[in-house]
Amino acid sequence: MSLKKKRTKRDGTFSGSTPQRAIIDIGSNTVRLVVYGGSMRAPTVLLNEKVTAKLGRDIAEKGELAEEAIELALRGLKRFALLLGDLGIDKIDTVATAAVRDASNGDAFVETLRQLGFDPRVISGDEEACLSARGVAGAFPGATGLVADLGGGSLELVTVREGVPGEALSLPLGTLRLPEYRGSSRGEMRKALEKALKKGAPKVEKDQPLYLVGGTLRTMAVFAMQEQGHPLSDPHGFEIGPKEAKSMLGKALANETIESLKARDRISSMRAEKLPDASVLAEAMLSRFEPSRLVFSSWGLREGLLFDGLERHARSQDPLLAGISVFATQRGAPPTLAARMAAWTLDAAPARKHGSERLRLAATMLALASMQIEPNIRLPQAIDWALHKRWIAVSGPDRAMLAAAIAANGNQLDLPDEVRELASEDALEEAVRWGLAVRLARRLGARSRRSLEVSRLLVDDSDLILRLAESHRDLFGISTEKDLKLLSGRLNLDYRVDIVPDEELRSDPDDAAEEAA
């Protein structure tokens, strides 16, 4: 992008995170600006603003962008240009999709954008599909199945295997064009859409996940979650089986009106208007592709652009740990400290049957970060972090284990119902032990590195052993004894404290920390 950079003062621009990259997505329905910060492997959205210009509304009938829509889009884009200049952001991608590439006056619109200082790229349908698949692969490492990205002007379909995009196709089945397929009944519309899908959709194996991308499809997930009384709020990563999906689409959603949808929480007027037609398309895709399950993704084209631009080593990073490490560091819990504590607690409270070491490390980071919250609001806010913040590559049971570990770190062992609904008692007990071990580690020496160097936490037969160097024997205070007793009780072990010469505990704590990480 060639917008002139301005000298700007960043003080207070975005608390705790510096903007690194922006994407302007010029779609058939909306023109959107998203500013990202944090780790680009699991980016934080710092600004998300859109203009509902409906550039593609006249494409099917007239083949061109409507003048009123162009004016709305340009008004928003001029504002975006000023915002980006004032924020000092120079890493900007501007992409245009179906409406601009299909319109007879698309080239003229692109030239106007260049005059405003943008450097737009009109991407093909295949490229749009592959970028959406890249976004899904970034959010679901190793994803295999079919990606369906529903926009305003088109439906992008692309196979993906082990995270690598395969055959791609763009069909004119966007939300602005679906009304053309309406017949006298919902069933007639579904049959027409099934026929359209059969004409050119890529061949896919049955019983593979169908990843659904796009704002209207995410709204469908919100609806399903509301119908189920689901304890989570983020539609990203929500899954539903084919039988449940058919019932939800053909019965619950089919009985809704646009007005009744608008009356629901978290369903905007624009999405309420598009959802009935999109639900019929979803039924047609279920019939055509026979997937094992529907998986809803909040990552699509924009995140695919980010993922595509990463170095190879960055792509291989764990997105859960990448996102939480930035978040926790901003709250006084850097990953090096968390890794040391995870190593220190490894013998007493490892990941066993239900969790994993990556999840335990993530729980340790969040537990340490939660201690920066005021005590009177700490538990509900920290549990909200675990359950409702958009972490990537984490399941509902995983979130419950994060919440249980955070709660136990604060000695809160009576878990909320919403946590217990998501995971088994055995899984939650495993996570509680993680949290109690972190509590002991951080309180032993006030999170000092030295306290972890002069102590060890071990399990030997029927005993939980705290081994302390002679020079630091007085670290074993009243609070430490209470924490040790609490953890040993959850482990069904006795406990003891061994005081040993300092030289017996001399080692490099970073070696153990790296092993735990």
Protein backbone atom coordinates (compact mmCIF):
# COMPACT_ATOMS: atom_id res chain seq x y z
CA MET A 1 0.00 0.00 0.00
CA SER A 2 1.33 3.47 -0.83
CA LEU A 3 -0.46 5.56 1.74
CA LYS A 4 1.88 8.20 3.12
CA LYS A 5 3.21 7.39 6.56
CA LYS A 6 2.70 9.98 9.25
CA ARG A 7 4.65 10.60 12.41
CA THR A 8 2.30 9.33 15.06
CA LYS A 9 2.34 8.97 18.79
CA ARG A 10 1.31 5.45 19.66
CA ASP A 11 0.68 6.16 23.34
CA GLY A 12 -2.57 4.47 24.31
CA THR A 13 -3.44 3.49 20.75
CA PHE A 14 -4.02 -0.15 21.60
CA SER A 15 -3.43 -1.15 25.19
CA GLY A 16 -0.86 -3.91 25.51
CA SER A 17 -0.42 -4.66 21.81
CA THR A 18 1.20 -2.87 18.90
CA PRO A 19 -0.61 -3.04 15.56
CA GLN A 20 1.44 -5.04 13.09
CA ARG A 21 -0.70 -5.61 10.03
CA ALA A 22 -4.00 -4.60 8.48
CA ILE A 23 -6.22 -6.24 5.89
CA ILE A 24 -8.92 -4.51 3.87
CA ASP A 25 -11.33 -7.08 2.50
CA ILE A 26 -13.59 -5.70 -0.24
CA GLY A 27 -16.35 -8.26 -0.51
CA SER A 28 -19.67 -8.46 -2.30
CA ASN A 29 -21.61 -7.56 0.83
CA THR A 30 -19.23 -5.68 3.12
CA VAL A 31 -16.01 -3.70 2.97
CA ARG A 32 -14.05 -4.51 6.10
CA LEU A 33 -10.88 -3.26 7.79
CA VAL A 34 -9.19 -5.50 10.35
CA VAL A 35 -6.06 -4.48 12.25
CA TYR A 36 -4.07 -7.29 13.84
CA GLY A 37 -1.52 -7.36 16.64
CA GLY A 38 0.19 -9.88 18.88
CA SER A 39 1.49 -13.11 17.41
CA MET A 40 0.70 -13.43 13.72
CA ARG A 41 0.38 -17.20 14.27
CA ALA A 42 -2.64 -16.48 16.49
CA PRO A 43 -3.30 -12.79 15.89
CA THR A 44 -5.27 -10.51 18.16
CA VAL A 45 -7.91 -8.37 16.44
CA LEU A 46 -7.27 -4.79 17.54
CA LEU A 47 -9.77 -3.10 15.24
CA ASN A 48 -12.58 -4.58 13.16
CA GLU A 49 -14.77 -2.15 11.24
CA LYS A 50 -17.03 -2.71 8.27
CA VAL A 51 -19.26 -0.87 5.83
CA THR A 52 -22.24 -2.80 4.46
CA ALA A 53 -21.96 -1.43 0.94
CA LYS A 54 -23.50 -4.44 -0.90
CA LEU A 55 -21.26 -3.92 -3.90
CA GLY A 56 -22.48 -7.14 -5.46
CA ARG A 57 -26.21 -6.54 -5.23
CA ASP A 58 -26.68 -5.75 -8.96
CA ILE A 59 -24.13 -8.18 -10.39
CA ALA A 60 -26.61 -10.92 -11.29
CA GLU A 61 -29.10 -8.55 -12.94
CA LYS A 62 -26.92 -5.78 -14.41
CA GLY A 63 -23.38 -7.18 -14.24
CA GLU A 64 -21.97 -4.07 -12.57
CA LEU A 65 -21.31 -2.45 -9.21
CA ALA A 66 -24.16 -0.14 -8.25
CA GLU A 67 -23.23 3.55 -8.08
CA GLU A 68 -24.78 3.99 -4.63
CA ALA A 69 -22.86 0.96 -3.39
CA ILE A 70 -19.61 2.37 -4.80
CA GLU A 71 -20.22 5.66 -2.99
CA LEU A 72 -20.82 3.85 0.31
CA ALA A 73 -17.72 1.72 -0.16
CA LEU A 74 -15.51 4.69 -1.02
CA ARG A 75 -16.77 6.66 1.95
CA GLY A 76 -15.71 3.82 4.21
CA LEU A 77 -12.40 3.32 2.41
CA LYS A 78 -11.47 6.99 2.73
CA ARG A 79 -12.02 6.68 6.46
CA PHE A 80 -9.91 3.52 6.56
CA ALA A 81 -7.08 5.32 4.76
CA LEU A 82 -7.06 8.08 7.38
CA LEU A 83 -7.17 5.60 10.26
CA LEU A 84 -4.27 3.58 8.90
CA GLY A 85 -2.20 6.68 8.28
CA ASP A 86 -2.82 8.04 11.76
CA LEU A 87 -2.02 4.67 13.32
CA GLY A 88 1.21 4.44 11.36
CA ILE A 89 0.43 1.03 9.93
CA ASP A 90 2.29 0.29 6.71
CA LYS A 91 1.81 -3.46 6.36
CA ILE A 92 -1.54 -3.50 4.60
CA ASP A 93 -3.16 -5.99 2.26
CA THR A 94 -6.12 -4.82 0.20
CA VAL A 95 -8.04 -7.60 -1.55
CA ALA A 96 -11.22 -7.59 -3.59
CA THR A 97 -13.31 -10.67 -4.26
CA ALA A 98 -16.32 -11.81 -6.32
CA ALA A 99 -18.22 -8.54 -6.84
CA VAL A 100 -15.23 -6.57 -8.14
CA ARG A 101 -13.82 -9.40 -10.27
CA ASP A 102 -17.20 -10.10 -11.89
CA ALA A 103 -18.37 -6.50 -12.46
CA SER A 104 -18.04 -4.78 -15.81
CA ASN A 105 -16.98 -1.61 -13.96
CA GLY A 106 -14.70 -3.47 -11.55
CA ASP A 107 -11.50 -2.19 -13.22
CA ALA A 108 -12.67 1.42 -12.90
CA PHE A 109 -13.42 0.87 -9.21
CA VAL A 110 -9.94 -0.57 -8.70
CA GLU A 111 -8.38 2.44 -10.38
CA THR A 112 -10.29 4.73 -8.01
CA LEU A 113 -8.86 2.77 -5.09
CA ARG A 114 -5.34 3.31 -6.43
CA GLN A 115 -5.98 7.04 -6.59
CA LEU A 116 -6.84 6.90 -2.88
CA GLY A 117 -3.43 5.36 -2.18
CA PHE A 118 -4.45 1.72 -1.91
CA ASP A 119 -2.79 -1.12 -3.79
CA PRO A 120 -5.72 -3.49 -4.31
CA ARG A 121 -5.41 -7.06 -5.52
CA VAL A 122 -8.41 -8.64 -7.22
CA ILE A 123 -8.17 -12.32 -6.42
CA SER A 124 -9.62 -15.14 -8.49
CA GLY A 125 -12.24 -17.55 -7.21
CA ASP A 126 -9.69 -20.35 -6.92
CA GLU A 127 -7.27 -18.11 -5.04
CA GLU A 128 -10.05 -16.98 -2.71
CA ALA A 129 -10.93 -20.60 -2.01
CA CYS A 130 -7.33 -21.57 -1.33
CA LEU A 131 -6.80 -18.62 1.02
CA SER A 132 -9.90 -19.64 2.97
CA ALA A 133 -8.49 -23.15 3.19
CA ARG A 134 -5.20 -21.70 4.45
CA GLY A 135 -7.15 -19.91 7.15
CA VAL A 136 -8.86 -23.14 8.18
CA ALA A 137 -5.53 -24.98 8.16
CA GLY A 138 -4.09 -22.29 10.43
CA ALA A 139 -6.96 -22.62 12.86
CA PHE A 140 -7.19 -26.42 12.74
CA PRO A 141 -3.65 -27.75 12.22
CA GLY A 142 -3.64 -30.82 10.01
CA ALA A 143 -7.22 -30.25 8.84
CA THR A 144 -8.57 -32.72 6.28
CA GLY A 145 -11.94 -32.40 4.58
CA LEU A 146 -13.83 -29.79 2.57
CA VAL A 147 -13.86 -26.04 3.19
CA ALA A 148 -16.95 -24.04 2.21
CA ASP A 149 -16.60 -20.24 2.43
CA LEU A 150 -19.90 -18.41 1.92
CA GLY A 151 -19.57 -14.77 0.94
CA GLY A 152 -21.95 -12.27 -0.51
CA GLY A 153 -21.23 -13.02 -4.16
CA SER A 154 -19.91 -16.56 -4.21
CA LEU A 155 -19.43 -19.87 -2.43
CA GLU A 156 -15.83 -21.08 -2.44
CA LEU A 157 -15.28 -24.82 -2.14
CA VAL A 158 -11.85 -26.35 -1.69
CA THR A 159 -10.60 -29.72 -0.49
CA VAL A 160 -7.88 -29.76 2.14
CA ARG A 161 -5.69 -32.66 3.24
CA GLU A 162 -3.29 -32.45 6.17
CA GLY A 163 -3.61 -28.68 5.98
CA VAL A 164 -2.74 -28.45 2.26
CA PRO A 165 -5.39 -27.01 -0.13
CA GLY A 166 -6.35 -29.18 -3.08
CA GLU A 167 -9.03 -28.85 -5.77
CA ALA A 168 -10.81 -25.50 -5.60
CA LEU A 169 -13.96 -24.08 -7.15
CA SER A 170 -15.93 -20.84 -6.92
CA LEU A 171 -19.70 -20.98 -7.48
CA PRO A 172 -22.11 -18.03 -7.83
CA LEU A 173 -24.02 -19.07 -4.70
CA GLY A 174 -23.28 -16.14 -2.38
CA THR A 175 -25.89 -14.79 0.02
CA LEU A 176 -26.82 -12.00 -2.41
CA ARG A 177 -27.54 -14.56 -5.15
CA LEU A 178 -29.30 -17.27 -3.17
CA PRO A 179 -32.74 -15.63 -3.52
CA GLU A 180 -32.59 -16.52 -7.23
CA TYR A 181 -32.96 -20.18 -6.22
CA ARG A 182 -36.09 -19.74 -4.14
CA GLY A 183 -39.02 -21.74 -5.39
CA SER A 184 -42.46 -22.29 -3.98
CA SER A 185 -41.07 -24.15 -0.97
CA ARG A 186 -37.93 -24.73 1.06
CA GLY A 187 -37.67 -28.21 -0.42
CA GLU A 188 -37.79 -26.90 -3.96
CA MET A 189 -35.00 -24.40 -3.19
CA ARG A 190 -32.87 -27.15 -1.63
CA LYS A 191 -33.21 -29.35 -4.73
CA ALA A 192 -32.22 -26.43 -6.98
CA LEU A 193 -29.13 -25.77 -4.86
CA GLU A 194 -28.21 -29.47 -4.78
CA LYS A 195 -28.33 -29.43 -8.58
CA ALA A 196 -26.10 -26.33 -8.68
CA LEU A 197 -23.59 -28.01 -6.35
CA LYS A 198 -23.47 -31.19 -8.43
CA LYS A 199 -22.56 -29.30 -11.59
CA GLY A 200 -19.06 -28.41 -10.55
CA ALA A 201 -18.30 -29.03 -6.89
CA PRO A 202 -15.00 -30.82 -6.23
CA LYS A 203 -15.10 -34.54 -5.56
CA VAL A 204 -14.75 -35.26 -1.87
CA GLU A 205 -14.70 -38.39 0.22
CA LYS A 206 -17.74 -39.04 2.36
CA ASP A 207 -17.51 -38.92 6.15
CA GLN A 208 -14.99 -36.07 6.17
CA PRO A 209 -15.44 -32.83 8.11
CA LEU A 210 -17.09 -29.93 6.31
CA TYR A 211 -15.49 -26.67 7.52
CA LEU A 212 -17.90 -23.75 7.23
CA VAL A 213 -16.49 -20.23 6.86
CA GLY A 214 -18.24 -16.86 6.61
CA GLY A 215 -20.27 -14.55 8.82
CA THR A 216 -23.68 -15.91 7.90
CA LEU A 217 -22.60 -19.51 8.52
CA ARG A 218 -21.11 -18.51 11.89
CA THR A 219 -24.47 -17.00 12.74
CA MET A 220 -25.97 -20.41 11.99
CA ALA A 221 -23.58 -21.83 14.60
CA VAL A 222 -24.69 -19.17 17.10
CA PHE A 223 -28.30 -20.21 16.48
CA ALA A 224 -27.47 -23.89 17.01
CA MET A 225 -25.58 -23.12 20.22
CA GLN A 226 -28.54 -21.15 21.53
CA GLU A 227 -30.89 -24.01 20.70
CA GLN A 228 -28.65 -26.44 22.58
CA GLY A 229 -28.12 -24.16 25.57
CA HIS A 230 -24.40 -24.55 24.91
CA PRO A 231 -22.19 -23.18 27.71
CA LEU A 232 -19.69 -21.60 25.31
CA SER A 233 -20.26 -18.37 23.38
CA ASP A 234 -17.66 -18.42 20.57
CA PRO A 235 -18.90 -20.19 17.42
CA HIS A 236 -15.32 -20.81 16.28
CA GLY A 237 -14.60 -24.51 16.59
CA PHE A 238 -18.20 -25.42 17.31
CA GLU A 239 -19.09 -28.82 15.84
CA ILE A 240 -22.38 -30.50 15.09
CA GLY A 241 -23.09 -33.95 13.66
CA PRO A 242 -25.05 -34.44 10.41
CA LYS A 243 -28.21 -35.76 12.08
CA GLU A 244 -28.29 -32.89 14.57
CA ALA A 245 -27.55 -30.43 11.76
CA LYS A 246 -30.40 -31.71 9.57
CA SER A 247 -32.83 -31.44 12.48
CA MET A 248 -31.61 -27.96 13.38
CA LEU A 249 -31.78 -26.71 9.78
CA GLY A 250 -34.95 -28.47 8.65
CA LYS A 251 -36.98 -27.95 11.83
CA ALA A 252 -35.75 -25.33 14.30
CA LEU A 253 -34.33 -22.86 11.77
CA ALA A 254 -36.96 -23.55 9.15
CA ASN A 255 -39.65 -22.43 11.61
CA GLU A 256 -37.95 -19.09 12.26
CA THR A 257 -38.81 -15.87 10.46
CA ILE A 258 -36.50 -12.98 9.74
CA GLU A 259 -38.28 -11.02 12.48
CA SER A 260 -37.89 -13.79 15.05
CA LEU A 261 -34.21 -14.15 14.17
CA LYS A 262 -33.65 -10.41 14.57
CA ALA A 263 -35.14 -10.64 18.06
CA ARG A 264 -32.45 -13.11 19.15
CA ASP A 265 -29.31 -12.02 20.95
CA ARG A 266 -26.14 -11.95 18.87
CA ILE A 267 -27.93 -12.17 15.52
CA SER A 268 -27.72 -8.92 13.58
CA SER A 269 -30.39 -7.67 11.23
CA MET A 270 -28.17 -8.28 8.20
CA ARG A 271 -27.41 -11.88 9.21
CA ALA A 272 -31.07 -12.52 10.09
CA GLU A 273 -32.04 -11.58 6.54
CA LYS A 274 -29.46 -13.94 4.99
CA LEU A 275 -29.72 -16.87 7.40
CA PRO A 276 -32.92 -18.57 6.07
CA ASP A 277 -31.51 -18.89 2.53
CA ALA A 278 -28.06 -19.88 3.84
CA SER A 279 -29.63 -22.61 5.95
CA VAL A 280 -31.16 -24.16 2.82
CA LEU A 281 -27.73 -24.06 1.17
CA ALA A 282 -26.30 -25.82 4.23
CA GLU A 283 -28.96 -28.52 3.87
CA ALA A 284 -28.01 -28.94 0.22
CA MET A 285 -24.31 -29.28 1.15
CA LEU A 286 -25.16 -31.89 3.76
CA SER A 287 -27.03 -33.90 1.14
CA ARG A 288 -24.38 -33.42 -1.56
CA PHE A 289 -21.19 -34.05 0.47
CA GLU A 290 -22.41 -36.31 3.31
CA PRO A 291 -19.83 -35.01 5.82
CA SER A 292 -18.96 -36.64 9.14
CA ARG A 293 -19.63 -33.35 10.94
CA LEU A 294 -19.90 -29.61 10.43
CA VAL A 295 -17.08 -27.54 11.91
CA PHE A 296 -17.51 -23.76 12.05
CA SER A 297 -14.42 -21.60 11.55
CA SER A 298 -13.97 -17.91 12.26
CA TRP A 299 -10.73 -18.06 10.32
CA GLY A 300 -11.02 -17.73 6.59
CA LEU A 301 -9.63 -15.58 3.79
CA ARG A 302 -8.12 -12.81 5.93
CA GLU A 303 -6.45 -15.20 8.34
CA GLY A 304 -5.35 -17.25 5.35
CA LEU A 305 -3.51 -14.19 4.04
CA LEU A 306 -1.77 -13.84 7.40
CA PHE A 307 -0.93 -17.55 7.60
CA ASP A 308 0.31 -17.59 4.00
CA GLY A 309 2.72 -14.75 4.77
CA LEU A 310 4.38 -16.47 7.73
CA GLU A 311 7.81 -18.04 7.61
CA ARG A 312 7.77 -21.82 7.59
CA HIS A 313 8.91 -22.07 11.21
CA ALA A 314 6.18 -19.66 12.30
CA ARG A 315 3.50 -21.72 10.56
CA SER A 316 4.59 -24.75 12.56
CA GLN A 317 4.05 -22.99 15.91
CA ASP A 318 1.24 -24.19 18.15
CA PRO A 319 -1.47 -21.51 17.73
CA LEU A 320 -2.84 -22.04 21.24
CA LEU A 321 0.53 -21.46 22.88
CA ALA A 322 1.41 -18.63 20.47
CA GLY A 323 -1.78 -16.75 21.33
CA ILE A 324 -1.75 -17.37 25.08
CA SER A 325 1.95 -16.55 25.44
CA VAL A 326 1.41 -13.01 24.07
CA PHE A 327 -1.74 -12.55 26.14
CA ALA A 328 -0.09 -13.79 29.36
CA THR A 329 3.12 -11.82 28.80
CA GLN A 330 1.09 -8.62 28.66
CA ARG A 331 -0.27 -9.59 32.10
CA GLY A 332 3.01 -10.30 33.83
CA ALA A 333 3.33 -14.01 33.03
CA PRO A 334 6.01 -14.52 30.34
CA PRO A 335 6.30 -17.99 28.81
CA THR A 336 9.77 -18.52 30.28
CA LEU A 337 8.35 -18.23 33.80
CA ALA A 338 5.42 -20.50 32.93
CA ALA A 339 7.77 -23.08 31.36
CA ARG A 340 9.93 -23.15 34.51
CA MET A 341 6.88 -23.66 36.68
CA ALA A 342 5.49 -26.31 34.35
CA ALA A 343 8.83 -28.13 34.60
CA TRP A 344 8.90 -27.78 38.41
CA THR A 345 5.41 -29.29 38.75
CA LEU A 346 5.91 -32.00 36.09
CA ASP A 347 6.60 -34.92 38.43
CA ALA A 348 3.68 -34.21 40.76
CA ALA A 349 0.99 -33.08 38.31
CA PRO A 350 1.73 -34.06 34.71
CA ALA A 351 -0.73 -34.27 31.86
CA ARG A 352 -2.12 -37.78 32.00
CA LYS A 353 -5.14 -39.39 30.35
CA HIS A 354 -7.23 -36.34 29.52
CA GLY A 355 -4.90 -33.41 28.98
CA SER A 356 -1.64 -32.77 27.18
CA GLU A 357 1.58 -30.99 28.05
CA ARG A 358 0.72 -28.15 25.63
CA LEU A 359 -2.58 -27.69 27.44
CA ARG A 360 -0.90 -27.83 30.84
CA LEU A 361 1.60 -25.17 29.78
CA ALA A 362 -1.26 -23.01 28.46
CA ALA A 363 -3.10 -23.46 31.77
CA THR A 364 0.03 -22.47 33.68
CA MET A 365 0.38 -19.24 31.68
CA LEU A 366 -3.26 -18.30 32.18
CA ALA A 367 -3.17 -19.20 35.88
CA LEU A 368 -0.15 -16.95 36.44
CA ALA A 369 -1.69 -14.14 34.38
CA SER A 370 -4.93 -14.36 36.37
CA MET A 371 -3.12 -13.25 39.52
CA GLN A 372 -2.94 -9.73 38.07
CA ILE A 373 -6.73 -9.49 38.29
CA GLU A 374 -8.23 -7.85 41.37
CA PRO A 375 -9.12 -10.62 43.87
CA ASN A 376 -12.80 -9.70 44.10
CA ILE A 377 -13.33 -10.25 40.35
CA ARG A 378 -10.51 -12.72 39.65
CA LEU A 379 -12.31 -16.04 39.39
CA PRO A 380 -15.19 -15.13 37.05
CA GLN A 381 -12.95 -13.08 34.79
CA ALA A 382 -10.24 -15.74 34.58
CA ILE A 383 -12.80 -18.45 33.87
CA ASP A 384 -14.22 -16.23 31.13
CA TRP A 385 -10.72 -16.09 29.63
CA ALA A 386 -10.60 -19.87 29.54
CA LEU A 387 -14.13 -20.48 28.26
CA HIS A 388 -15.01 -17.55 26.04
CA LYS A 389 -11.88 -15.88 24.68
CA ARG A 390 -11.04 -16.93 21.14
CA TRP A 391 -8.16 -19.34 21.60
CA ILE A 392 -7.17 -21.36 18.57
CA ALA A 393 -6.84 -25.16 18.33
CA VAL A 394 -8.63 -25.87 21.60
CA SER A 395 -11.78 -27.93 22.23
CA GLY A 396 -14.65 -27.44 24.68
CA PRO A 397 -13.25 -30.04 27.13
CA ASP A 398 -9.83 -28.38 26.79
CA ARG A 399 -11.36 -25.04 27.75
CA ALA A 400 -13.00 -26.63 30.79
CA MET A 401 -9.62 -28.01 31.90
CA LEU A 402 -8.04 -24.56 31.49
CA ALA A 403 -10.81 -23.08 33.63
CA ALA A 404 -10.45 -25.78 36.31
CA ALA A 405 -6.69 -25.25 36.54
CA ILE A 406 -7.10 -21.49 36.82
CA ALA A 407 -9.74 -21.88 39.54
CA ALA A 408 -7.60 -24.33 41.54
CA ASN A 409 -4.63 -21.99 41.28
CA GLY A 410 -6.80 -19.54 43.22
CA ASN A 411 -7.90 -22.30 45.66
CA GLN A 412 -11.42 -22.27 44.23
CA LEU A 413 -12.35 -25.94 43.97
CA ASP A 414 -16.12 -25.65 43.57
CA LEU A 415 -16.31 -25.32 39.79
CA PRO A 416 -19.18 -23.53 38.01
CA ASP A 417 -21.80 -25.63 36.23
CA GLU A 418 -20.75 -24.32 32.81
CA VAL A 419 -17.30 -25.82 33.38
CA ARG A 420 -18.66 -29.18 34.59
CA GLU A 421 -20.92 -29.43 31.53
CA LEU A 422 -17.95 -29.44 29.17
CA ALA A 423 -15.64 -32.12 30.58
CA SER A 424 -15.70 -35.29 32.65
CA GLU A 425 -15.00 -35.31 36.38
CA ASP A 426 -11.75 -37.21 35.76
CA ALA A 427 -10.55 -34.59 33.28
CA LEU A 428 -11.44 -31.74 35.62
CA GLU A 429 -9.69 -33.47 38.53
CA GLU A 430 -6.53 -33.76 36.43
CA ALA A 431 -6.68 -30.03 35.70
CA VAL A 432 -7.37 -29.17 39.35
CA ARG A 433 -4.12 -30.90 40.24
CA TRP A 434 -2.30 -28.78 37.66
CA GLY A 435 -3.72 -25.65 39.24
CA LEU A 436 -2.86 -26.67 42.80
CA ALA A 437 0.70 -27.49 41.75
CA VAL A 438 1.05 -24.07 40.09
CA ARG A 439 -0.31 -22.47 43.27
CA LEU A 440 2.38 -24.18 45.33
CA ALA A 441 5.11 -23.23 42.84
CA ARG A 442 4.25 -19.53 42.65
CA ARG A 443 3.59 -19.09 46.39
CA LEU A 444 6.71 -20.95 47.51
CA GLY A 445 9.03 -18.12 46.53
CA ALA A 446 6.76 -15.36 45.22
CA ARG A 447 7.42 -16.50 41.62
CA SER A 448 11.17 -15.90 41.97
CA ARG A 449 13.45 -17.84 39.66
CA ARG A 450 15.72 -18.58 42.60
CA SER A 451 12.99 -20.43 44.50
CA LEU A 452 12.61 -22.86 41.62
CA GLU A 453 16.36 -23.43 41.48
CA VAL A 454 16.69 -24.35 45.18
CA SER A 455 13.70 -26.69 45.36
CA ARG A 456 12.18 -29.74 43.72
CA LEU A 457 8.70 -31.25 43.85
CA LEU A 458 8.79 -35.03 43.52
CA VAL A 459 6.62 -38.10 43.93
CA ASP A 460 8.25 -41.12 45.56
CA ASP A 461 6.07 -44.16 46.17
CA SER A 462 3.31 -42.91 48.48
CA ASP A 463 4.80 -39.49 49.27
CA LEU A 464 4.70 -36.06 47.72
CA ILE A 465 8.11 -34.60 48.54
CA LEU A 466 9.13 -30.95 48.63
CA ARG A 467 12.92 -30.90 48.57
CA LEU A 468 14.49 -27.64 49.74
CA ALA A 469 18.09 -26.44 49.81
CA GLU A 470 19.48 -25.77 53.28
CA SER A 471 20.00 -22.10 52.40
CA HIS A 472 16.27 -21.72 51.71
CA ARG A 473 14.73 -24.00 54.30
CA ASP A 474 12.72 -21.10 55.71
CA LEU A 475 10.76 -20.87 52.49
CA PHE A 476 8.68 -23.65 53.98
CA GLY A 477 6.25 -21.42 55.80
CA ILE A 478 2.69 -21.85 57.02
CA SER A 479 1.12 -21.02 53.65
CA THR A 480 3.51 -23.36 51.84
CA GLU A 481 2.61 -26.20 54.17
CA LYS A 482 -1.09 -25.62 53.53
CA ASP A 483 -0.56 -25.67 49.76
CA LEU A 484 1.58 -28.81 49.93
CA LYS A 485 -1.01 -30.56 52.09
CA LEU A 486 -3.83 -29.52 49.74
CA LEU A 487 -2.03 -30.89 46.67
CA SER A 488 -1.00 -34.13 48.37
CA GLY A 489 -4.58 -34.70 49.45
CA ARG A 490 -5.83 -34.44 45.83
CA LEU A 491 -3.09 -36.88 44.81
CA ASN A 492 -4.00 -39.29 47.61
CA LEU A 493 -0.43 -39.12 48.92
CA ASP A 494 1.27 -38.28 52.17
CA TYR A 495 3.67 -35.36 52.09
CA ARG A 496 7.02 -34.52 53.56
CA VAL A 497 9.74 -31.90 53.31
CA ASP A 498 13.37 -32.89 52.80
CA ILE A 499 16.09 -30.34 53.56
CA VAL A 500 19.24 -31.10 51.57
CA PRO A 501 22.63 -29.46 50.99
CA ASP A 502 22.57 -26.74 48.38
CA GLU A 503 24.91 -28.58 46.02
CA GLU A 504 22.42 -31.42 45.60
CA LEU A 505 20.00 -29.07 43.84
CA ARG A 506 22.47 -27.32 41.58
CA SER A 507 21.33 -27.60 37.96
CA ASP A 508 20.23 -25.37 35.12
CA PRO A 509 16.47 -24.78 35.52
CA ASP A 510 16.20 -23.78 31.89
CA ASP A 511 17.01 -27.35 30.80
CA ALA A 512 13.96 -28.66 32.62
CA ALA A 513 11.87 -25.72 31.43
CA GLU A 514 12.73 -26.43 27.82
CA GLU A 515 11.82 -30.09 28.31
CA ALA A 516 8.41 -29.11 29.73
CA ALA A 517 7.77 -26.63 26.91
